[in-house]
Each structure stands twice: as structure tokens, then as C-alpha cells.
Amino acid sequence: MKVIVTGGAGFIGSNLILYLHEHHPEFEILNIDKLTYASDLNYLNAVKDSNRYTFKRLDITDRAGVKDIVRKWGPDGVIHLAAESHVDNSIKGPEPFIYSNVVGTFNLLEECRLSWQESKEPVLSNRFLHISTDEVYGTLGKTGLFKETTPYAPNSPYSASKAASDFLVRSYHHTYGMNTVITNCSNNYGPHQHNEKLIPTVIRKALSGEPIPVYGKGDNVRDWLFVEDHCKALTTVFIDGKAGEQYNIGGDNEWQNIEIVNLICEILNEEKGEGPDGDYKNLISFVTDRPGHDFRYAVDASKIKKELKWKPSGNFDDKLRDTVKWFVQKFES
């Protein structure tokens, strides 16, 4: 099976490619990535010489480039992860998010539709998996969970652009009969996440002795999903998910931001023991909250658990410690 993975040099995409290459030898993978500041091909060194892996530098906003690669490669399926994803950046400058997340998704959908409709196989034999976020649902209070039926209510330019791309994908199933599936995941963590995200930021700032910024009072709540668990879920949905369906993917693992920061500092205290006055928590600095900061995200993943028999693996403490140690080695190398 020939599969295009977009955004494969990013955090989730690169981990997914490594997982697919190891566990699914029937997949021939083409990685498409425009190589932004958040990309890193070095993480994929283990597969770069494989005859089942190819890399192509391409910006999915380039319609002609997308058409050329879809026609030449002839994919049986697409796993679409390429996106601008940092909320703070979308607040400072939303335009790239509209182009990459909305126009880029349209280009992929349309060129795949045109190509697959011309092939001898019916359109439904080719799968288009679109990876989205729980942020499209907006924010929760202290109770409740996002379900696949929860109305969309995005509160940042980033989440609005992802909501728009979700609707495009949905429309291509209902209008053209394309074999599309959408997933909406909670916050990922694990090796190779970009430095700008919360967990790497805390570790990086702590190791350099700089203030660790925490928005507001740090009481915002997120559900944390280990990236390898997410990769297993995406693979399961790509292979077995029902056409036209949407699946929420969560870690059943809610924490306040300040709790996560404290946990990381405690691990660093044990692993490094070099914080000010013996405690990295002394570096925590509460800063002005960002505009439109959603209070709580938490997803109900019962659908994917029941229908596709996937569930998160648990062991958060061990996985967080392994993640912290991975970043310590990276930042100190």
C-alpha cells in the first residue's frame, strides 16, 4: 500500500512514520513536509535509507506541486498531519494558519479526489485520514467531555482554521463519496516535540536557569496523550475506521498546567538536582494569560475504544519521566 504522510517531519508525523515503518511492512511511505521551523528530518534517520520510505519537500499550499506528487506517486491513502499548530503564533499572525490548514487541506482533498475518480478503482477504495484537534470544540467547564457530536466552537485562529479544514473533509465525504475519516486528539507529549510546546519549554527554561512561564494561575486543564499511543490510534483508524466517521482520541489523563509544571520540576530535581536553592520550582513565573485561553479540554474517547478496540496505554508517570530524560539529553548535547 502506498501512503502519503503530510507533515511527516513534525512531532506527531515523524513518530507516526517510525511506527508505521516498524509495524506495517506492507506500507510504502512518502513523507511530504515543507520543512518549517518546527520540522526535523534527523529524527527519521533510522528510515532514511529504507526502500519503503521517501521524502519530498513540498508546501501543500502549492496546488500545482500537490497535483504533481499525487499523480506521480498514485497513493492508496493519505494521512494528513501537516498544519500550523501553535496557538500563540496564530494569535500573533493568523494568515499562515489559514493558508496551511485550510487551503492546504483543500488542495490535498481536491487533487486526491480528481486522481482517485479517474482511477479504475472506486473512490471508496482510497482513504483520506485527516488529523485534527480537540480545540475545535472550544472550552469546557470543570465537568463534561467533548464528544464527536459536540458542536464546534473554536476560540483561536488556530482552532478556527482546523475546524474549517474538518468541515472541508466532511464535505468531501458527503458530496463526493470520498473515503474520509477525521480524528480529534487531545494534547500530545513525548520525544521530539517542538521546543515551543509546554513540556519542552518547561524543561528548556529550567535547565538554562530562566523563569518558567505559566499562563494565568496555571489552572487550565488538559488531557495528555502519549504520542506513541496516538500513533497506534491513527493507524487503527486509517486501517479499520468507518468511512465518513469522526473519532476522538484522548489519554484519559487530565492535569492542570501547573500540576504538569510541578511534576516536571520534581523529575528534574531527581535527575539533575541543580535548581535554584535545590528546587526547579523556584523558577516558576506566572505571566499574563493569553487571549481566548480555553479553560479545559477533555475528550470522550469511548467511540474509538468500543468500535475499534483502541485504548491509551497508561503509565503516565513513567512516560513523562522518559520524555523529560529525552529532552534533557537533547538540550545538553
C-alpha atoms as a PDB file:
ATOM      1  CA  MET A   1       0.000   0.000   0.000  1.00  0.00           C
ATOM      2  CA  LYS A   2       1.344   3.422  -0.970  1.00  0.00           C
ATOM      3  CA  VAL A   3       0.646   6.035   1.693  1.00  0.00           C
ATOM      4  CA  ILE A   4       1.381   9.767   1.747  1.00  0.00           C
ATOM      5  CA  VAL A   5       2.023  11.221   5.208  1.00  0.00           C
ATOM      6  CA  THR A   6       1.899  15.013   5.205  1.00  0.00           C
ATOM      7  CA  GLY A   7       3.846  16.884   7.867  1.00  0.00           C
ATOM      8  CA  GLY A   8       5.994  13.819   8.437  1.00  0.00           C
ATOM      9  CA  ALA A   9       8.992  15.806   9.710  1.00  0.00           C
ATOM     10  CA  GLY A  10       6.954  17.251  12.566  1.00  0.00           C
ATOM     11  CA  PHE A  11       6.387  15.852  16.041  1.00  0.00           C
ATOM     12  CA  ILE A  12       3.441  13.509  15.534  1.00  0.00           C
ATOM     13  CA  GLY A  13       4.177  12.852  11.860  1.00  0.00           C
ATOM     14  CA  SER A  14       7.742  11.660  12.409  1.00  0.00           C
ATOM     15  CA  ASN A  15       6.725   9.407  15.284  1.00  0.00           C
ATOM     16  CA  LEU A  16       3.931   8.013  13.122  1.00  0.00           C
ATOM     17  CA  ILE A  17       6.286   7.268  10.222  1.00  0.00           C
ATOM     18  CA  LEU A  18       8.673   5.402  12.519  1.00  0.00           C
ATOM     19  CA  TYR A  19       5.745   3.432  13.947  1.00  0.00           C
ATOM     20  CA  LEU A  20       4.276   2.565  10.529  1.00  0.00           C
ATOM     21  CA  HIS A  21       7.661   1.581   9.128  1.00  0.00           C
ATOM     22  CA  GLU A  22       8.339  -0.771  12.031  1.00  0.00           C
ATOM     23  CA  HIS A  23       4.916  -2.345  12.416  1.00  0.00           C
ATOM     24  CA  HIS A  24       3.463  -2.281   8.889  1.00  0.00           C
ATOM     25  CA  PRO A  25       5.954  -3.544   6.300  1.00  0.00           C
ATOM     26  CA  GLU A  26       3.148  -3.528   3.721  1.00  0.00           C
ATOM     27  CA  PHE A  27       3.218   0.298   3.730  1.00  0.00           C
ATOM     28  CA  GLU A  28       5.364   2.261   1.298  1.00  0.00           C
ATOM     29  CA  ILE A  29       5.567   5.755   2.783  1.00  0.00           C
ATOM     30  CA  LEU A  30       6.030   9.119   1.086  1.00  0.00           C
ATOM     31  CA  ASN A  31       6.716  11.896   3.590  1.00  0.00           C
ATOM     32  CA  ILE A  32       5.654  15.360   2.412  1.00  0.00           C
ATOM     33  CA  ASP A  33       6.825  18.306   4.510  1.00  0.00           C
ATOM     34  CA  LYS A  34       7.713  21.912   3.699  1.00  0.00           C
ATOM     35  CA  LEU A  35      10.366  21.891   6.453  1.00  0.00           C
ATOM     36  CA  THR A  36       9.348  24.812   8.625  1.00  0.00           C
ATOM     37  CA  TYR A  37      10.992  25.862  11.890  1.00  0.00           C
ATOM     38  CA  ALA A  38       9.070  23.021  13.597  1.00  0.00           C
ATOM     39  CA  SER A  39      10.400  20.277  11.282  1.00  0.00           C
ATOM     40  CA  ASP A  40      13.370  17.990  11.866  1.00  0.00           C
ATOM     41  CA  LEU A  41      14.335  15.233   9.428  1.00  0.00           C
ATOM     42  CA  ASN A  42      17.139  13.995  11.687  1.00  0.00           C
ATOM     43  CA  TYR A  43      14.593  12.202  13.854  1.00  0.00           C
ATOM     44  CA  LEU A  44      13.855   9.989  10.825  1.00  0.00           C
ATOM     45  CA  ASN A  45      17.454   8.931  10.216  1.00  0.00           C
ATOM     46  CA  ALA A  46      16.549   5.351  11.114  1.00  0.00           C
ATOM     47  CA  VAL A  47      14.398   5.041   7.965  1.00  0.00           C
ATOM     48  CA  LYS A  48      16.005   7.482   5.527  1.00  0.00           C
ATOM     49  CA  ASP A  49      17.780   4.703   3.611  1.00  0.00           C
ATOM     50  CA  SER A  50      14.806   2.340   3.575  1.00  0.00           C
ATOM     51  CA  ASN A  51      13.337   1.364   0.212  1.00  0.00           C
ATOM     52  CA  ARG A  52       9.907   1.783   1.816  1.00  0.00           C
ATOM     53  CA  TYR A  53      10.423   5.437   2.722  1.00  0.00           C
ATOM     54  CA  THR A  54      10.742   8.536   0.518  1.00  0.00           C
ATOM     55  CA  PHE A  55      10.890  12.207   1.427  1.00  0.00           C
ATOM     56  CA  LYS A  56       9.637  15.061  -0.739  1.00  0.00           C
ATOM     57  CA  ARG A  57       9.930  18.700   0.273  1.00  0.00           C
ATOM     58  CA  LEU A  58       6.637  20.332  -0.599  1.00  0.00           C
ATOM     59  CA  ASP A  59       4.361  23.063   0.710  1.00  0.00           C
ATOM     60  CA  ILE A  60       0.772  21.806   0.468  1.00  0.00           C
ATOM     61  CA  THR A  61      -0.382  25.350  -0.329  1.00  0.00           C
ATOM     62  CA  ASP A  62       1.341  24.810  -3.697  1.00  0.00           C
ATOM     63  CA  ARG A  63      -1.587  23.399  -5.683  1.00  0.00           C
ATOM     64  CA  ALA A  64       0.491  22.503  -8.732  1.00  0.00           C
ATOM     65  CA  GLY A  65       3.057  20.747  -6.560  1.00  0.00           C
ATOM     66  CA  VAL A  66       0.371  18.760  -4.766  1.00  0.00           C
ATOM     67  CA  LYS A  67      -1.190  17.740  -8.080  1.00  0.00           C
ATOM     68  CA  ASP A  68       2.163  16.633  -9.453  1.00  0.00           C
ATOM     69  CA  ILE A  69       3.053  14.458  -6.462  1.00  0.00           C
ATOM     70  CA  VAL A  70      -0.415  12.869  -6.205  1.00  0.00           C
ATOM     71  CA  ARG A  71      -0.385  11.991  -9.922  1.00  0.00           C
ATOM     72  CA  LYS A  72       3.178  10.680  -9.899  1.00  0.00           C
ATOM     73  CA  TRP A  73       3.019   8.797  -6.618  1.00  0.00           C
ATOM     74  CA  GLY A  74      -0.505   7.409  -7.011  1.00  0.00           C
ATOM     75  CA  PRO A  75      -1.239   6.968  -3.287  1.00  0.00           C
ATOM     76  CA  ASP A  76      -3.710   4.410  -1.998  1.00  0.00           C
ATOM     77  CA  GLY A  77      -4.215   6.618   1.028  1.00  0.00           C
ATOM     78  CA  VAL A  78      -3.252   9.902   2.672  1.00  0.00           C
ATOM     79  CA  ILE A  79      -2.618  10.566   6.366  1.00  0.00           C
ATOM     80  CA  HIS A  80      -2.844  14.328   6.652  1.00  0.00           C
ATOM     81  CA  LEU A  81      -0.980  15.858   9.601  1.00  0.00           C
ATOM     82  CA  ALA A  82       0.638  18.925   8.014  1.00  0.00           C
ATOM     83  CA  ALA A  83      -0.558  22.020   9.859  1.00  0.00           C
ATOM     84  CA  GLU A  84       0.461  25.184  11.598  1.00  0.00           C
ATOM     85  CA  SER A  85      -0.357  24.283  15.183  1.00  0.00           C
ATOM     86  CA  HIS A  86       0.988  26.730  17.759  1.00  0.00           C
ATOM     87  CA  VAL A  87      -1.861  28.766  19.256  1.00  0.00           C
ATOM     88  CA  ASP A  88       0.333  31.682  20.357  1.00  0.00           C
ATOM     89  CA  ASN A  89       1.685  32.032  16.817  1.00  0.00           C
ATOM     90  CA  SER A  90      -1.848  32.043  15.412  1.00  0.00           C
ATOM     91  CA  ILE A  91      -2.729  34.935  17.713  1.00  0.00           C
ATOM     92  CA  LYS A  92       0.324  36.941  16.634  1.00  0.00           C
ATOM     93  CA  GLY A  93      -0.158  36.201  12.921  1.00  0.00           C
ATOM     94  CA  PRO A  94      -3.140  34.107  11.769  1.00  0.00           C
ATOM     95  CA  GLU A  95      -2.602  34.259   7.994  1.00  0.00           C
ATOM     96  CA  PRO A  96      -0.203  31.276   7.669  1.00  0.00           C
ATOM     97  CA  PHE A  97      -2.714  29.142   9.594  1.00  0.00           C
ATOM     98  CA  ILE A  98      -5.452  29.884   7.086  1.00  0.00           C
ATOM     99  CA  TYR A  99      -3.232  29.060   4.124  1.00  0.00           C
ATOM    100  CA  SER A 100      -1.655  25.887   5.515  1.00  0.00           C
ATOM    101  CA  ASN A 101      -4.591  24.448   7.422  1.00  0.00           C
ATOM    102  CA  VAL A 102      -7.482  25.423   5.169  1.00  0.00           C
ATOM    103  CA  VAL A 103      -6.089  25.971   1.653  1.00  0.00           C
ATOM    104  CA  GLY A 104      -3.525  23.205   2.056  1.00  0.00           C
ATOM    105  CA  THR A 105      -6.188  20.718   3.137  1.00  0.00           C
ATOM    106  CA  PHE A 106      -8.391  21.728   0.217  1.00  0.00           C
ATOM    107  CA  ASN A 107      -5.531  21.220  -2.250  1.00  0.00           C
ATOM    108  CA  LEU A 108      -4.910  17.709  -0.964  1.00  0.00           C
ATOM    109  CA  LEU A 109      -8.579  16.770  -0.941  1.00  0.00           C
ATOM    110  CA  GLU A 110      -9.266  18.094  -4.415  1.00  0.00           C
ATOM    111  CA  GLU A 111      -6.211  16.612  -6.080  1.00  0.00           C
ATOM    112  CA  CYS A 112      -6.810  13.242  -4.421  1.00  0.00           C
ATOM    113  CA  ARG A 113     -10.465  13.335  -5.449  1.00  0.00           C
ATOM    114  CA  LEU A 114      -9.637  14.116  -9.065  1.00  0.00           C
ATOM    115  CA  SER A 115      -6.922  11.477  -9.215  1.00  0.00           C
ATOM    116  CA  TRP A 116      -8.887   8.741  -7.472  1.00  0.00           C
ATOM    117  CA  GLN A 117     -12.018   9.360  -9.526  1.00  0.00           C
ATOM    118  CA  GLU A 118     -10.003   8.787 -12.707  1.00  0.00           C
ATOM    119  CA  SER A 119      -8.528   5.522 -11.445  1.00  0.00           C
ATOM    120  CA  LYS A 120     -10.015   2.136 -12.191  1.00  0.00           C
ATOM    121  CA  GLU A 121     -10.724   1.540  -8.506  1.00  0.00           C
ATOM    122  CA  PRO A 122     -13.778   3.186  -6.898  1.00  0.00           C
ATOM    123  CA  VAL A 123     -13.124   6.304  -4.820  1.00  0.00           C
ATOM    124  CA  LEU A 124     -14.017   4.465  -1.607  1.00  0.00           C
ATOM    125  CA  SER A 125     -11.026   2.146  -2.013  1.00  0.00           C
ATOM    126  CA  ASN A 126      -8.718   5.105  -1.259  1.00  0.00           C
ATOM    127  CA  ARG A 127      -8.638   6.502   2.278  1.00  0.00           C
ATOM    128  CA  PHE A 128      -8.057  10.104   3.406  1.00  0.00           C
ATOM    129  CA  LEU A 129      -7.357  10.380   7.139  1.00  0.00           C
ATOM    130  CA  HIS A 130      -7.421  13.939   8.486  1.00  0.00           C
ATOM    131  CA  ILE A 131      -5.831  14.570  11.900  1.00  0.00           C
ATOM    132  CA  SER A 132      -7.385  17.414  13.862  1.00  0.00           C
ATOM    133  CA  THR A 133      -7.572  18.676  17.431  1.00  0.00           C
ATOM    134  CA  ASP A 134      -9.950  18.768  20.393  1.00  0.00           C
ATOM    135  CA  GLU A 135      -9.578  22.563  20.347  1.00  0.00           C
ATOM    136  CA  VAL A 136     -12.218  22.809  17.605  1.00  0.00           C
ATOM    137  CA  TYR A 137     -14.855  22.102  20.269  1.00  0.00           C
ATOM    138  CA  GLY A 138     -13.976  25.210  22.270  1.00  0.00           C
ATOM    139  CA  THR A 139     -13.733  25.018  26.040  1.00  0.00           C
ATOM    140  CA  LEU A 140     -15.238  23.042  28.891  1.00  0.00           C
ATOM    141  CA  GLY A 141     -16.092  23.957  32.462  1.00  0.00           C
ATOM    142  CA  LYS A 142     -14.988  21.826  35.377  1.00  0.00           C
ATOM    143  CA  THR A 143     -17.091  18.877  34.229  1.00  0.00           C
ATOM    144  CA  GLY A 144     -18.086  17.217  30.981  1.00  0.00           C
ATOM    145  CA  LEU A 145     -16.268  15.777  27.979  1.00  0.00           C
ATOM    146  CA  PHE A 146     -16.045  16.587  24.282  1.00  0.00           C
ATOM    147  CA  LYS A 147     -17.928  14.021  22.210  1.00  0.00           C
ATOM    148  CA  GLU A 148     -17.838  13.603  18.447  1.00  0.00           C
ATOM    149  CA  THR A 149     -21.312  15.196  18.451  1.00  0.00           C
ATOM    150  CA  THR A 150     -20.238  18.272  20.452  1.00  0.00           C
ATOM    151  CA  PRO A 151     -20.908  21.449  18.418  1.00  0.00           C
ATOM    152  CA  TYR A 152     -17.788  23.200  17.157  1.00  0.00           C
ATOM    153  CA  ALA A 153     -16.907  26.444  18.953  1.00  0.00           C
ATOM    154  CA  PRO A 154     -13.255  27.337  18.174  1.00  0.00           C
ATOM    155  CA  ASN A 155     -11.795  30.219  20.159  1.00  0.00           C
ATOM    156  CA  SER A 156      -8.434  30.905  18.471  1.00  0.00           C
ATOM    157  CA  PRO A 157      -7.385  31.454  14.856  1.00  0.00           C
ATOM    158  CA  TYR A 158      -5.583  28.088  15.043  1.00  0.00           C
ATOM    159  CA  SER A 159      -8.612  26.127  16.206  1.00  0.00           C
ATOM    160  CA  ALA A 160     -10.853  28.008  13.763  1.00  0.00           C
ATOM    161  CA  SER A 161      -8.573  27.019  10.874  1.00  0.00           C
ATOM    162  CA  LYS A 162      -8.643  23.390  11.989  1.00  0.00           C
ATOM    163  CA  ALA A 163     -12.427  23.495  12.314  1.00  0.00           C
ATOM    164  CA  ALA A 164     -12.660  24.805   8.754  1.00  0.00           C
ATOM    165  CA  SER A 165     -10.428  22.003   7.487  1.00  0.00           C
ATOM    166  CA  ASP A 166     -12.532  19.416   9.348  1.00  0.00           C
ATOM    167  CA  PHE A 167     -15.647  20.708   7.626  1.00  0.00           C
ATOM    168  CA  LEU A 168     -13.948  20.534   4.235  1.00  0.00           C
ATOM    169  CA  VAL A 169     -13.005  16.907   4.811  1.00  0.00           C
ATOM    170  CA  ARG A 170     -16.526  16.082   5.983  1.00  0.00           C
ATOM    171  CA  SER A 171     -17.999  17.745   2.894  1.00  0.00           C
ATOM    172  CA  TYR A 172     -15.854  15.674   0.537  1.00  0.00           C
ATOM    173  CA  HIS A 173     -17.294  12.502   2.007  1.00  0.00           C
ATOM    174  CA  HIS A 174     -20.910  13.636   1.836  1.00  0.00           C
ATOM    175  CA  THR A 175     -20.635  15.388  -1.534  1.00  0.00           C
ATOM    176  CA  TYR A 176     -18.215  13.204  -3.484  1.00  0.00           C
ATOM    177  CA  GLY A 177     -18.317   9.914  -1.579  1.00  0.00           C
ATOM    178  CA  MET A 178     -14.641  10.100  -0.633  1.00  0.00           C
ATOM    179  CA  ASN A 179     -13.434   7.649   1.983  1.00  0.00           C
ATOM    180  CA  THR A 180     -12.565  10.256   4.591  1.00  0.00           C
ATOM    181  CA  VAL A 181     -12.072   9.855   8.332  1.00  0.00           C
ATOM    182  CA  ILE A 182     -11.394  12.596  10.899  1.00  0.00           C
ATOM    183  CA  THR A 183      -9.668  12.265  14.257  1.00  0.00           C
ATOM    184  CA  ASN A 184      -9.602  14.864  17.011  1.00  0.00           C
ATOM    185  CA  CYS A 185      -6.892  14.367  19.618  1.00  0.00           C
ATOM    186  CA  SER A 186      -6.030  15.831  22.996  1.00  0.00           C
ATOM    187  CA  ASN A 187      -2.620  17.302  23.916  1.00  0.00           C
ATOM    188  CA  ASN A 188       0.250  15.082  22.805  1.00  0.00           C
ATOM    189  CA  TYR A 189       3.555  14.666  24.621  1.00  0.00           C
ATOM    190  CA  GLY A 190       6.673  12.600  24.053  1.00  0.00           C
ATOM    191  CA  PRO A 191      10.058  12.610  22.298  1.00  0.00           C
ATOM    192  CA  HIS A 192      10.750  15.107  19.501  1.00  0.00           C
ATOM    193  CA  GLN A 193       8.019  17.597  20.345  1.00  0.00           C
ATOM    194  CA  HIS A 194       8.969  21.095  19.242  1.00  0.00           C
ATOM    195  CA  ASN A 195      10.643  23.317  21.827  1.00  0.00           C
ATOM    196  CA  GLU A 196       7.789  25.859  21.812  1.00  0.00           C
ATOM    197  CA  LYS A 197       5.252  23.463  23.374  1.00  0.00           C
ATOM    198  CA  LEU A 198       4.586  23.386  27.117  1.00  0.00           C
ATOM    199  CA  ILE A 199       6.578  20.355  28.288  1.00  0.00           C
ATOM    200  CA  PRO A 200       9.751  21.079  26.249  1.00  0.00           C
ATOM    201  CA  THR A 201       9.521  24.762  27.230  1.00  0.00           C
ATOM    202  CA  VAL A 202       9.452  23.927  30.935  1.00  0.00           C
ATOM    203  CA  ILE A 203      12.466  21.620  30.604  1.00  0.00           C
ATOM    204  CA  ARG A 204      14.435  24.031  28.406  1.00  0.00           C
ATOM    205  CA  LYS A 205      13.822  27.022  30.642  1.00  0.00           C
ATOM    206  CA  ALA A 206      14.600  25.060  33.792  1.00  0.00           C
ATOM    207  CA  LEU A 207      17.898  23.706  32.505  1.00  0.00           C
ATOM    208  CA  SER A 208      19.001  27.194  31.443  1.00  0.00           C
ATOM    209  CA  GLY A 209      18.019  28.705  34.784  1.00  0.00           C
ATOM    210  CA  GLU A 210      15.455  31.010  33.181  1.00  0.00           C
ATOM    211  CA  PRO A 211      11.955  31.778  34.518  1.00  0.00           C
ATOM    212  CA  ILE A 212       9.438  29.045  33.631  1.00  0.00           C
ATOM    213  CA  PRO A 213       6.408  30.913  32.221  1.00  0.00           C
ATOM    214  CA  VAL A 214       2.961  29.713  33.295  1.00  0.00           C
ATOM    215  CA  TYR A 215      -0.128  31.448  31.896  1.00  0.00           C
ATOM    216  CA  GLY A 216      -2.542  32.959  34.417  1.00  0.00           C
ATOM    217  CA  LYS A 217      -2.761  30.879  37.576  1.00  0.00           C
ATOM    218  CA  GLY A 218      -1.836  27.653  35.770  1.00  0.00           C
ATOM    219  CA  ASP A 219      -5.264  26.182  36.449  1.00  0.00           C
ATOM    220  CA  ASN A 220      -6.107  25.440  32.804  1.00  0.00           C
ATOM    221  CA  VAL A 221      -6.738  21.719  32.350  1.00  0.00           C
ATOM    222  CA  ARG A 222      -5.522  19.498  29.506  1.00  0.00           C
ATOM    223  CA  ASP A 223      -5.853  15.788  28.745  1.00  0.00           C
ATOM    224  CA  TRP A 224      -2.393  14.409  27.911  1.00  0.00           C
ATOM    225  CA  LEU A 225      -1.915  11.685  25.284  1.00  0.00           C
ATOM    226  CA  PHE A 226       1.407   9.928  24.725  1.00  0.00           C
ATOM    227  CA  VAL A 227       2.461  10.316  21.105  1.00  0.00           C
ATOM    228  CA  GLU A 228       3.031   6.578  20.510  1.00  0.00           C
ATOM    229  CA  ASP A 229      -0.485   5.836  21.800  1.00  0.00           C
ATOM    230  CA  HIS A 230      -1.732   8.451  19.346  1.00  0.00           C
ATOM    231  CA  CYS A 231       0.224   6.814  16.505  1.00  0.00           C
ATOM    232  CA  LYS A 232      -1.356   3.443  17.313  1.00  0.00           C
ATOM    233  CA  ALA A 233      -4.800   5.066  17.308  1.00  0.00           C
ATOM    234  CA  LEU A 234      -4.194   6.789  13.965  1.00  0.00           C
ATOM    235  CA  THR A 235      -3.015   3.549  12.397  1.00  0.00           C
ATOM    236  CA  THR A 236      -6.082   1.749  13.721  1.00  0.00           C
ATOM    237  CA  VAL A 237      -8.415   4.427  12.351  1.00  0.00           C
ATOM    238  CA  PHE A 238      -6.610   4.501   8.996  1.00  0.00           C
ATOM    239  CA  ILE A 239      -6.978   0.747   8.573  1.00  0.00           C
ATOM    240  CA  ASP A 240     -10.284  -0.013  10.292  1.00  0.00           C
ATOM    241  CA  GLY A 241     -12.168   3.261  10.778  1.00  0.00           C
ATOM    242  CA  LYS A 242     -15.549   3.643   9.126  1.00  0.00           C
ATOM    243  CA  ALA A 243     -15.735   5.982   6.141  1.00  0.00           C
ATOM    244  CA  GLY A 244     -17.271   9.346   6.955  1.00  0.00           C
ATOM    245  CA  GLU A 245     -16.826   8.910  10.695  1.00  0.00           C
ATOM    246  CA  GLN A 246     -15.069  11.039  13.284  1.00  0.00           C
ATOM    247  CA  TYR A 247     -13.124   9.635  16.252  1.00  0.00           C
ATOM    248  CA  ASN A 248     -11.955  11.434  19.392  1.00  0.00           C
ATOM    249  CA  ILE A 249      -8.581  10.253  20.727  1.00  0.00           C
ATOM    250  CA  GLY A 250      -7.688  11.040  24.331  1.00  0.00           C
ATOM    251  CA  GLY A 251      -5.384   9.871  27.079  1.00  0.00           C
ATOM    252  CA  ASP A 252      -7.881   9.735  29.988  1.00  0.00           C
ATOM    253  CA  ASN A 253      -5.227  11.783  31.724  1.00  0.00           C
ATOM    254  CA  GLU A 254      -6.270  15.272  32.862  1.00  0.00           C
ATOM    255  CA  TRP A 255      -3.890  17.648  34.625  1.00  0.00           C
ATOM    256  CA  GLN A 256      -3.813  21.336  35.397  1.00  0.00           C
ATOM    257  CA  ASN A 257      -0.929  23.085  33.663  1.00  0.00           C
ATOM    258  CA  ILE A 258       0.653  23.999  36.978  1.00  0.00           C
ATOM    259  CA  GLU A 259       0.487  20.361  38.050  1.00  0.00           C
ATOM    260  CA  ILE A 260       2.365  19.301  34.912  1.00  0.00           C
ATOM    261  CA  VAL A 261       4.976  22.011  35.503  1.00  0.00           C
ATOM    262  CA  ASN A 262       5.452  20.877  39.111  1.00  0.00           C
ATOM    263  CA  LEU A 263       5.769  17.234  38.052  1.00  0.00           C
ATOM    264  CA  ILE A 264       8.457  18.111  35.517  1.00  0.00           C
ATOM    265  CA  CYS A 265      10.345  20.161  38.113  1.00  0.00           C
ATOM    266  CA  GLU A 266      10.216  17.248  40.545  1.00  0.00           C
ATOM    267  CA  ILE A 267      11.631  14.892  37.917  1.00  0.00           C
ATOM    268  CA  LEU A 268      14.372  17.401  37.087  1.00  0.00           C
ATOM    269  CA  ASN A 269      15.154  17.755  40.790  1.00  0.00           C
ATOM    270  CA  GLU A 270      15.710  13.993  40.953  1.00  0.00           C
ATOM    271  CA  GLU A 271      17.541  13.684  37.648  1.00  0.00           C
ATOM    272  CA  LYS A 272      19.645  16.874  37.803  1.00  0.00           C
ATOM    273  CA  GLY A 273      19.341  18.439  41.244  1.00  0.00           C
ATOM    274  CA  GLU A 274      20.644  21.783  40.010  1.00  0.00           C
ATOM    275  CA  GLY A 275      17.650  24.056  40.501  1.00  0.00           C
ATOM    276  CA  PRO A 276      17.916  27.337  42.441  1.00  0.00           C
ATOM    277  CA  ASP A 277      18.029  26.529  46.167  1.00  0.00           C
ATOM    278  CA  GLY A 278      17.770  22.877  45.161  1.00  0.00           C
ATOM    279  CA  ASP A 279      14.343  23.135  43.515  1.00  0.00           C
ATOM    280  CA  TYR A 280      13.470  23.979  39.907  1.00  0.00           C
ATOM    281  CA  LYS A 281      10.013  25.061  41.092  1.00  0.00           C
ATOM    282  CA  ASN A 282      11.632  28.281  42.278  1.00  0.00           C
ATOM    283  CA  LEU A 283      11.883  29.259  38.592  1.00  0.00           C
ATOM    284  CA  ILE A 284       8.108  29.161  38.039  1.00  0.00           C
ATOM    285  CA  SER A 285       6.834  32.564  36.934  1.00  0.00           C
ATOM    286  CA  PHE A 286       3.145  33.313  36.389  1.00  0.00           C
ATOM    287  CA  VAL A 287       2.581  35.518  33.338  1.00  0.00           C
ATOM    288  CA  THR A 288      -0.384  37.336  31.805  1.00  0.00           C
ATOM    289  CA  ASP A 289      -2.847  34.871  30.356  1.00  0.00           C
ATOM    290  CA  ARG A 290      -3.099  34.711  26.585  1.00  0.00           C
ATOM    291  CA  PRO A 291      -6.250  35.972  24.793  1.00  0.00           C
ATOM    292  CA  GLY A 292      -9.029  33.420  24.378  1.00  0.00           C
ATOM    293  CA  HIS A 293      -7.243  30.834  26.533  1.00  0.00           C
ATOM    294  CA  ASP A 294      -9.603  27.846  26.772  1.00  0.00           C
ATOM    295  CA  PHE A 295     -10.034  26.695  30.363  1.00  0.00           C
ATOM    296  CA  ARG A 296     -10.325  22.940  29.928  1.00  0.00           C
ATOM    297  CA  TYR A 297     -10.109  20.307  27.200  1.00  0.00           C
ATOM    298  CA  ALA A 298     -11.114  16.691  27.784  1.00  0.00           C
ATOM    299  CA  VAL A 299     -12.359  14.204  25.217  1.00  0.00           C
ATOM    300  CA  ASP A 300     -14.665  11.240  25.434  1.00  0.00           C
ATOM    301  CA  ALA A 301     -12.787   8.501  23.561  1.00  0.00           C
ATOM    302  CA  SER A 302     -15.398   5.814  24.181  1.00  0.00           C
ATOM    303  CA  LYS A 303     -16.274   5.558  20.484  1.00  0.00           C
ATOM    304  CA  ILE A 304     -12.799   4.526  19.303  1.00  0.00           C
ATOM    305  CA  LYS A 305     -12.436   2.264  22.337  1.00  0.00           C
ATOM    306  CA  LYS A 306     -15.714   0.474  21.657  1.00  0.00           C
ATOM    307  CA  GLU A 307     -15.711   0.333  17.866  1.00  0.00           C
ATOM    308  CA  LEU A 308     -12.003  -0.069  17.092  1.00  0.00           C
ATOM    309  CA  LYS A 309     -10.742  -1.620  20.358  1.00  0.00           C
ATOM    310  CA  TRP A 310      -8.066   1.025  20.968  1.00  0.00           C
ATOM    311  CA  LYS A 311      -7.208   2.459  24.360  1.00  0.00           C
ATOM    312  CA  PRO A 312      -4.343   4.535  25.824  1.00  0.00           C
ATOM    313  CA  SER A 313      -1.611   2.510  27.483  1.00  0.00           C
ATOM    314  CA  GLY A 314      -1.433   4.445  30.751  1.00  0.00           C
ATOM    315  CA  ASN A 315       1.753   4.655  32.882  1.00  0.00           C
ATOM    316  CA  PHE A 316       1.830   8.441  32.647  1.00  0.00           C
ATOM    317  CA  ASP A 317       4.470   8.879  35.349  1.00  0.00           C
ATOM    318  CA  ASP A 318       6.930   6.599  33.552  1.00  0.00           C
ATOM    319  CA  LYS A 319       6.231   8.084  30.132  1.00  0.00           C
ATOM    320  CA  LEU A 320       6.576  11.638  31.410  1.00  0.00           C
ATOM    321  CA  ARG A 321       9.877  10.768  33.092  1.00  0.00           C
ATOM    322  CA  ASP A 322      11.160   9.151  29.888  1.00  0.00           C
ATOM    323  CA  THR A 323      10.085  12.244  27.958  1.00  0.00           C
ATOM    324  CA  VAL A 324      11.865  14.580  30.380  1.00  0.00           C
ATOM    325  CA  LYS A 325      15.041  12.497  30.192  1.00  0.00           C
ATOM    326  CA  TRP A 326      14.882  12.523  26.374  1.00  0.00           C
ATOM    327  CA  PHE A 327      14.719  16.337  26.339  1.00  0.00           C
ATOM    328  CA  VAL A 328      17.430  16.700  28.979  1.00  0.00           C
ATOM    329  CA  GLN A 329      19.740  14.714  26.728  1.00  0.00           C
ATOM    330  CA  LYS A 330      18.722  16.770  23.706  1.00  0.00           C
ATOM    331  CA  PHE A 331      19.182  20.170  25.385  1.00  0.00           C
ATOM    332  CA  GLU A 332      22.502  19.199  26.954  1.00  0.00           C
ATOM    333  CA  SER A 333      24.036  17.569  23.884  1.00  0.00           C
END
